[in-house]
Amino acid sequence: MKILFRILAAILFILFFGFALKNTQEAALRFFFDYEMRGPLVMLLLAFFVGGAVMGIFAMLPTLFRYRRELGRHKKTLVGMEQERAQQLKARTLPPQPDSVVNR
């Protein structure tokens, strides 16, 4: 399976590298207030792709932190349930005690 993924990654790399070689012409990106940025088309595309990926990661961070907090709470609950279960098993394995004897 690893080999298949590596072959697929190599094919994608070759395709994207060919795309970059074919799109080296100068491109102009015009913003508001007559601001203009010039550069190779492939570099502009790469910059906006990376910028979009970074914004996507930042948009995902609050959800990620919320899930991590929930996971911590669930782990604490699970530990408490495991301790309770261990106490119940321990109580089952002890021989019955007379009413007048109390275990402490």
Foldseek 3Di string as FASTA:
>chain_A
DVVVVVVVVVVVVVVVVVVQVVQQDKDWDADPPRDIDIGTPSVVVVVVVVVVVVVVVVVCVVVVVVVVVVVVVVVVVVVVVVVVVVVVVVVVPDDDDDPVDDDD
